[in-house]
Protein backbone atom coordinates (compact mmCIF):
# COMPACT_ATOMS: atom_id res chain seq x y z
CA MET A 1 -0.23 0.16 0.21
CA ASN A 2 2.65 2.55 0.87
CA ALA A 3 4.94 1.55 -1.90
CA PRO A 4 4.30 3.80 -4.59
CA GLN A 5 5.41 7.30 -1.27
CA THR A 6 8.21 6.01 -0.36
CA THR A 7 8.73 6.50 -4.22
CA ALA A 8 7.67 9.51 -4.11
CA LEU A 9 9.38 9.98 -1.19
CA GLY A 10 12.76 9.34 -3.95
CA LYS A 11 13.64 6.84 -1.61
CA VAL A 12 15.08 3.60 -2.09
CA PRO A 13 12.91 0.47 -0.84
CA CYS A 14 15.10 -2.30 0.78
CA THR A 15 14.47 -5.60 1.25
CA ILE A 16 15.94 -7.86 4.34
CA ILE A 17 16.26 -11.04 4.14
CA THR A 18 16.97 -13.00 7.45
CA GLY A 19 16.81 -16.47 9.04
CA PHE A 20 19.09 -19.17 10.41
CA LEU A 21 22.61 -20.82 9.28
CA GLY A 22 21.21 -22.68 6.72
CA ALA A 23 17.20 -21.37 6.13
CA GLY A 24 18.16 -20.45 1.86
CA LYS A 25 18.49 -16.94 2.39
CA THR A 26 21.43 -17.23 -0.10
CA THR A 27 19.12 -19.05 -2.69
CA LEU A 28 15.95 -16.99 -2.21
CA VAL A 29 18.36 -13.92 -3.03
CA ARG A 30 19.59 -15.82 -6.16
CA HIS A 31 15.53 -16.16 -7.22
CA LEU A 32 15.18 -12.26 -6.64
CA LEU A 33 17.62 -11.77 -9.04
CA GLU A 34 16.67 -14.15 -11.59
CA ASN A 35 13.29 -12.89 -11.55
CA ALA A 36 13.90 -9.20 -11.07
CA GLY A 37 11.54 -8.36 -14.06
CA GLY A 38 14.02 -6.13 -15.64
CA ARG A 39 14.11 -4.18 -11.91
CA ARG A 40 17.54 -2.63 -11.03
CA LEU A 41 18.72 -4.69 -8.02
CA ALA A 42 21.84 -4.78 -5.51
CA VAL A 43 22.26 -6.79 -2.48
CA LEU A 44 24.70 -6.27 0.69
CA VAL A 45 25.96 -9.55 1.47
CA ASN A 46 26.59 -10.31 5.42
CA GLU A 47 27.97 -13.38 6.79
CA PHE A 48 29.52 -14.87 10.40
CA GLY A 49 33.04 -15.48 9.99
CA ASP A 50 36.04 -13.67 8.59
CA LEU A 51 35.47 -16.01 5.28
CA GLY A 52 33.26 -15.04 2.67
CA PHE A 53 30.74 -17.50 0.59
CA ASP A 54 27.21 -16.58 -0.42
CA GLY A 55 28.04 -13.04 -1.89
CA SER A 56 30.37 -15.16 -4.44
CA PHE A 57 28.01 -18.40 -4.44
CA ILE A 58 25.69 -15.33 -6.11
CA ALA A 59 28.23 -13.24 -8.45
CA GLY A 60 28.87 -15.84 -10.38
CA CYS A 61 25.44 -17.58 -11.05
CA GLY A 62 26.03 -15.76 -14.11
CA ILE A 63 22.50 -14.62 -13.27
CA GLU A 64 21.93 -11.73 -16.62
CA GLY A 65 21.59 -8.55 -15.40
CA CYS A 66 23.49 -9.08 -12.45
CA THR A 67 27.51 -7.68 -12.11
CA SER A 68 30.12 -8.26 -9.01
CA GLU A 69 29.49 -4.04 -9.13
CA ASP A 70 25.81 -5.61 -7.41
CA ILE A 71 27.08 -7.51 -4.97
CA VAL A 72 28.54 -6.37 -1.71
CA GLU A 73 30.07 -8.40 0.64
CA LEU A 74 30.16 -7.66 4.37
CA PRO A 75 32.69 -10.65 5.94
CA ASN A 76 34.35 -10.82 9.16
CA GLY A 77 31.28 -9.66 11.78
CA CYS A 78 27.44 -9.47 12.27
CA ILE A 79 25.80 -6.91 11.07
CA CYS A 80 23.61 -5.94 13.47
CA CYS A 81 26.71 -5.18 15.52
CA THR A 82 28.90 -3.24 12.14
CA VAL A 83 25.80 -1.10 11.18
CA ALA A 84 28.41 2.22 11.82
CA ASP A 85 31.61 1.01 10.78
CA ASP A 86 30.11 -1.47 7.58
CA PHE A 87 26.98 -1.75 6.56
CA VAL A 88 25.82 2.57 6.41
CA PRO A 89 29.41 3.42 4.42
CA ALA A 90 28.16 0.37 1.87
CA LEU A 91 24.51 1.06 1.94
CA GLU A 92 25.77 4.65 1.08
CA SER A 93 27.64 3.45 -1.12
CA LEU A 94 26.18 1.91 -3.49
CA LEU A 95 23.60 4.45 -3.01
CA ASP A 96 25.71 7.05 -4.36
CA ARG A 97 26.59 5.21 -7.20
CA PRO A 98 25.22 7.17 -10.81
CA ASN A 99 23.20 4.53 -11.76
CA PRO A 100 22.03 3.61 -7.90
CA PRO A 101 19.63 0.33 -7.24
CA GLN A 102 16.05 0.35 -7.71
CA HIS A 103 15.76 -1.71 -5.32
CA ILE A 104 18.74 -3.24 -2.65
CA LEU A 105 18.54 -6.81 -0.52
CA ILE A 106 20.00 -7.24 1.77
CA GLU A 107 20.92 -10.20 3.57
CA THR A 108 22.14 -11.00 7.54
CA SER A 109 23.78 -13.83 8.63
CA GLY A 110 22.19 -16.64 10.00
CA LEU A 111 22.96 -15.61 13.45
CA ALA A 112 22.34 -11.62 12.47
CA LEU A 113 19.56 -9.97 14.90
CA PRO A 114 17.56 -7.98 12.46
CA LYS A 115 16.00 -5.19 14.30
CA PRO A 116 19.42 -3.08 14.54
CA LEU A 117 19.49 -3.54 11.10
CA VAL A 118 15.89 -1.92 10.87
CA LYS A 119 16.24 1.10 13.77
CA ALA A 120 20.23 1.41 11.72
CA PHE A 121 17.66 3.70 9.16
CA ASN A 122 16.79 6.23 11.95
CA TRP A 123 20.44 7.44 11.36
CA PRO A 124 21.12 10.39 9.40
CA ALA A 125 22.82 9.41 7.51
CA ILE A 126 20.72 7.43 5.57
CA ARG A 127 17.17 7.80 6.59
CA SER A 128 15.88 10.66 3.65
CA ARG A 129 17.36 8.20 0.94
CA VAL A 130 16.46 4.29 2.28
CA THR A 131 13.88 2.71 3.79
CA VAL A 132 12.42 -0.91 5.30
CA ASP A 133 10.19 -2.22 2.35
CA GLY A 134 9.73 -5.10 4.46
CA VAL A 135 11.86 -7.99 6.64
CA ILE A 136 11.39 -11.28 5.16
CA ALA A 137 12.07 -14.29 7.49
CA VAL A 138 13.38 -17.35 6.45
CA VAL A 139 12.94 -20.22 8.89
CA ASP A 140 13.84 -23.93 8.27
CA GLY A 141 11.36 -25.84 8.03
CA PRO A 142 13.10 -29.68 8.51
CA ALA A 143 14.90 -27.78 11.54
CA VAL A 144 11.82 -26.59 12.97
CA ALA A 145 9.57 -29.56 12.76
CA GLU A 146 12.34 -32.05 13.96
CA GLY A 147 12.42 -29.20 16.54
CA GLN A 148 16.67 -27.54 16.31
CA PHE A 149 14.68 -24.32 18.53
CA ALA A 150 12.78 -25.39 20.97
CA ASP A 151 13.85 -25.92 24.32
CA ASP A 152 13.31 -29.25 25.95
CA PRO A 153 11.45 -28.99 29.48
CA GLU A 154 11.80 -32.08 31.30
CA ALA A 155 15.80 -31.46 30.35
CA LEU A 156 15.73 -28.16 31.86
CA LYS A 157 14.37 -29.02 34.49
CA ALA A 158 17.03 -31.66 34.82
CA GLN A 159 19.95 -29.19 34.18
CA ALA A 160 18.55 -27.26 37.71
CA ALA A 161 17.92 -29.67 39.42
CA GLN A 162 22.04 -30.30 38.79
CA ASP A 163 23.68 -27.11 39.15
CA GLN A 164 21.31 -23.93 40.18
CA ALA A 165 23.30 -21.50 38.47
CA VAL A 166 23.86 -23.05 34.87
CA ASP A 167 22.61 -20.68 32.21
CA HIS A 168 19.42 -22.24 31.02
CA ASP A 169 18.82 -19.99 27.96
CA ASN A 170 18.86 -21.57 24.56
CA PRO A 171 20.45 -18.58 22.01
CA LEU A 172 18.80 -20.48 19.60
CA GLU A 173 15.44 -20.32 20.83
CA GLU A 174 16.24 -16.99 21.28
CA VAL A 175 17.70 -15.61 17.55
CA PHE A 176 15.48 -17.58 16.00
CA GLU A 177 12.70 -15.95 18.10
CA ASP A 178 14.40 -12.14 17.25
CA GLN A 179 14.47 -13.16 14.29
CA ILE A 180 10.77 -14.22 13.15
CA LEU A 181 9.02 -10.93 15.75
CA CYS A 182 10.76 -8.74 13.49
CA ALA A 183 9.31 -10.20 9.68
CA ASP A 184 6.47 -8.91 8.08
CA LEU A 185 6.17 -12.04 6.25
CA ILE A 186 7.93 -15.42 6.69
CA LEU A 187 8.56 -17.71 4.66
CA ILE A 188 8.99 -21.77 5.21
CA ASN A 189 11.29 -23.36 3.51
CA LYS A 190 11.85 -26.46 1.97
CA SER A 191 8.33 -27.35 3.06
CA ASP A 192 8.86 -30.05 0.32
CA LEU A 193 10.60 -31.64 3.08
CA VAL A 194 8.50 -32.09 5.96
CA ASP A 195 5.12 -34.26 5.34
CA ALA A 196 1.64 -32.24 6.65
CA ASP A 197 1.83 -33.21 10.01
CA GLY A 198 5.43 -31.77 10.77
CA ARG A 199 4.22 -28.07 8.17
CA GLU A 200 1.67 -27.90 10.86
CA ARG A 201 4.65 -28.30 14.00
CA VAL A 202 5.98 -25.40 12.26
CA LYS A 203 3.05 -23.32 12.52
CA ALA A 204 2.49 -24.37 15.90
CA GLU A 205 6.07 -23.85 16.80
CA ILE A 206 6.17 -20.66 14.87
CA GLY A 207 2.91 -19.43 16.36
CA ARG A 208 4.18 -19.56 19.63
CA HIS A 209 6.66 -17.39 19.35
CA LEU A 210 3.97 -14.21 17.98
CA PRO A 211 2.24 -11.91 19.15
CA ARG A 212 1.13 -10.55 16.26
CA ALA A 213 -0.53 -11.59 12.58
CA VAL A 214 2.39 -13.01 10.15
CA LYS A 215 1.83 -14.02 6.93
CA LEU A 216 3.49 -17.65 7.14
CA VAL A 217 4.11 -18.92 2.90
CA GLU A 218 5.45 -21.85 2.26
CA THR A 219 8.13 -22.82 0.09
CA ALA A 220 10.75 -25.41 -1.28
CA HIS A 221 13.95 -23.47 -2.51
CA GLY A 222 13.43 -20.57 -2.13
CA LYS A 223 10.93 -20.16 -5.29
CA VAL A 224 8.11 -17.09 -4.31
CA GLU A 225 6.89 -15.46 -6.30
CA PRO A 226 8.44 -11.87 -6.46
CA ALA A 227 6.29 -9.62 -5.75
CA LEU A 228 5.30 -11.11 -1.80
CA ILE A 229 8.23 -9.70 -1.26
CA ILE A 230 9.65 -7.08 -2.93
CA GLY A 231 6.74 -4.05 -2.75
CA LEU A 232 5.97 -4.63 0.72
CA GLY A 233 6.36 -0.83 1.59
CA ALA A 234 6.44 -1.41 5.54
CA ALA A 235 8.33 1.04 6.29
CA ALA A 236 9.31 -0.84 9.04
CA GLU A 237 12.30 1.45 11.03
CA ALA A 238 8.39 3.39 11.63
CA ASP A 239 7.54 0.33 12.85
CA LEU A 240 9.76 -0.68 15.76
CA SER A 241 7.26 -0.76 18.87
CA ALA A 242 5.65 -3.69 17.27
CA ARG A 243 8.63 -5.52 16.57
CA PRO A 244 9.97 -6.64 20.00
CA SER A 245 14.01 -8.02 21.19
CA HIS A 246 15.61 -9.51 23.37
CA HIS A 247 18.35 -7.18 23.08
CA GLY A 248 16.37 -4.02 25.15
CA GLU A 249 16.96 -1.05 23.85
CA GLY A 250 20.93 -0.02 24.43
CA GLU A 251 22.12 -3.27 25.20
CA ASP A 252 24.92 -5.04 23.90
CA HIS A 253 24.17 -7.86 21.37
CA ASP A 254 26.95 -9.88 21.49
CA HIS A 255 28.09 -13.39 19.87
CA ASP A 256 29.41 -15.37 22.40
CA ASP A 257 27.64 -18.30 22.38
CA PHE A 258 28.66 -18.97 18.33
CA ASP A 259 32.13 -19.04 16.91
CA SER A 260 32.94 -19.79 13.32
CA VAL A 261 36.61 -21.58 11.70
CA ALA A 262 37.56 -21.41 7.84
CA LEU A 263 39.44 -25.08 7.09
CA PRO A 264 41.40 -25.77 4.40
CA LEU A 265 38.94 -28.97 2.11
CA PRO A 266 41.59 -31.18 0.26
CA GLN A 267 40.01 -32.84 -2.89
CA ALA A 268 38.36 -35.15 -2.70
CA ALA A 269 37.98 -38.36 -5.19
CA SER A 270 34.27 -37.83 -5.84
CA PRO A 271 32.04 -35.83 -5.05
CA GLU A 272 29.80 -38.88 -2.84
CA ASP A 273 32.90 -39.37 -0.75
CA LEU A 274 33.73 -35.37 0.23
CA VAL A 275 30.05 -35.58 1.15
CA ALA A 276 31.12 -39.01 3.17
CA ARG A 277 33.29 -37.02 5.09
CA LEU A 278 31.19 -33.79 6.06
CA ALA A 279 28.00 -35.63 6.96
CA ARG A 280 30.56 -36.96 9.78
CA ALA A 281 32.24 -34.12 10.51
CA ALA A 282 28.55 -32.70 10.95
CA GLU A 283 28.09 -35.19 13.96
CA ALA A 284 30.83 -33.36 15.99
CA ASP A 285 29.25 -32.45 18.98
CA GLY A 286 28.01 -27.83 18.48
CA VAL A 287 28.60 -27.95 15.40
CA LEU A 288 25.54 -26.35 13.54
CA ARG A 289 26.48 -25.34 9.50
CA LEU A 290 29.39 -26.43 7.02
CA LYS A 291 29.61 -24.02 3.78
CA GLY A 292 32.05 -24.52 1.17
CA PHE A 293 33.64 -25.27 -2.21
CA ALA A 294 36.00 -27.88 -3.26
CA GLY A 295 37.83 -29.36 -6.25
CA ILE A 296 37.01 -32.94 -7.73
CA PRO A 297 40.06 -34.65 -9.74
CA GLY A 298 38.98 -34.04 -13.48
CA LYS A 299 36.21 -32.02 -12.33
CA PRO A 300 36.43 -28.23 -14.39
CA MET A 301 34.10 -26.82 -12.23
CA ARG A 302 33.36 -26.45 -7.99
CA LEU A 303 32.09 -28.21 -5.87
CA VAL A 304 29.71 -26.42 -3.52
CA VAL A 305 29.33 -27.88 -0.02
CA GLN A 306 26.09 -26.84 2.78
CA GLY A 307 25.65 -28.73 5.24
CA VAL A 308 22.69 -28.08 7.88
CA GLY A 309 22.52 -30.62 11.01
CA ARG A 310 23.15 -33.68 8.79
CA ARG A 311 22.04 -32.81 5.84
CA ILE A 312 24.59 -32.12 2.94
CA ALA A 313 23.44 -30.44 -0.01
CA HIS A 314 26.38 -30.07 -3.46
CA HIS A 315 26.23 -28.72 -7.13
CA PHE A 316 28.63 -27.38 -9.46
CA ASP A 317 28.16 -24.25 -9.30
CA ARG A 318 30.89 -21.99 -12.05
CA ALA A 319 34.69 -23.32 -13.83
CA TRP A 320 38.07 -22.23 -11.96
CA GLY A 321 40.07 -20.00 -13.85
CA ALA A 322 42.60 -20.82 -15.46
CA GLU A 323 44.42 -19.64 -13.40
CA GLU A 324 42.80 -20.56 -10.10
CA ALA A 325 43.76 -22.64 -7.32
CA ARG A 326 41.62 -25.37 -6.91
CA ASP A 327 42.51 -24.58 -3.08
CA GLY A 328 38.76 -26.04 -1.33
CA ARG A 329 37.94 -23.41 2.03
CA LEU A 330 35.39 -24.48 4.75
CA VAL A 331 34.04 -23.34 6.99
CA VAL A 332 32.09 -24.27 9.92
CA ILE A 333 29.84 -22.58 12.24
CA GLY A 334 28.43 -24.05 15.55
CA LEU A 335 27.80 -23.76 19.24
CA LYS A 336 31.24 -21.57 21.28
CA GLY A 337 33.96 -24.56 22.20
CA PHE A 338 32.45 -27.13 19.51
CA ASP A 339 34.69 -29.89 19.01
CA ARG A 340 36.72 -28.85 16.00
CA ALA A 341 39.26 -31.66 16.97
CA ALA A 342 36.44 -34.24 15.59
CA VAL A 343 35.50 -31.80 12.35
CA GLU A 344 39.11 -31.91 11.25
CA ALA A 345 39.77 -36.40 11.93
CA ALA A 346 36.09 -36.52 9.82
CA LEU A 347 37.54 -34.15 6.80
CA ALA A 348 41.14 -35.98 7.24
CA GLU A 349 38.97 -39.18 6.85
């Protein structure tokens, strides 16, 4: 409803795409770029950890009309914690281009809280130039159906009986809840991997956290009609009170509960061999997410690998450059203190 008004005001609309690790945010962004309908889009990609992959996955996919200049990566930190140093300058650089984008997609890291980012749109340097067209929360349907973000009341009770000093907060649930509480639309992704009963459990779990009505859309592989995502006209930066958060006004937000490491990923005899090793690595205590790329002898293309829980996906995304070293890399994200030694042992098998 408000889209024509924001256009008249000269503000560039921005869509914030949030969601936990491996929910399918990058896949959704690629789908929107592939179906831009002539609209000039740009993308800001933020990743947790000091090595960026998602931006290269987008830029290297051969989407017509999408150049490397349209993809801006913000690695080495969570975007919600680096607003002044990274986000605002990056946004200004896009807006100052001779031919600025007509719409900007902002993909947050899987551990980012979206509300601080929405608040940043009220900063004097950018508030007259941009608006939050909408906040889209991408939810991993199978992960929610399996209870990844829900506390086990009996387990918490047993912990409390053993040690009253134990911190019983569930960091996964807090991040998940903050992300959906800020949303104008929630995409239940990977719905093709969940049966009807499972999809009902997912909706019930989401509803348990939401104090207001938010539209839920089931999708698979991030394929959704772009008109459902772009053009919401939410002006979310003017609607902060309706978006509660675990982290109050002025409260610091850190990621002490999580850690990441970048590891070399040696060539494997076959994709299946590599997937088997990654599946064993994913079973290491505390591991949440695996993503990276590797070379396969005799194959001219780079193999991309993605792991969420014990689900490992892979595909060839692009040809290796003529002078490009075929050195694979893997980013592992997990709870603080996750078993890195077990991960490295699995990769070396």
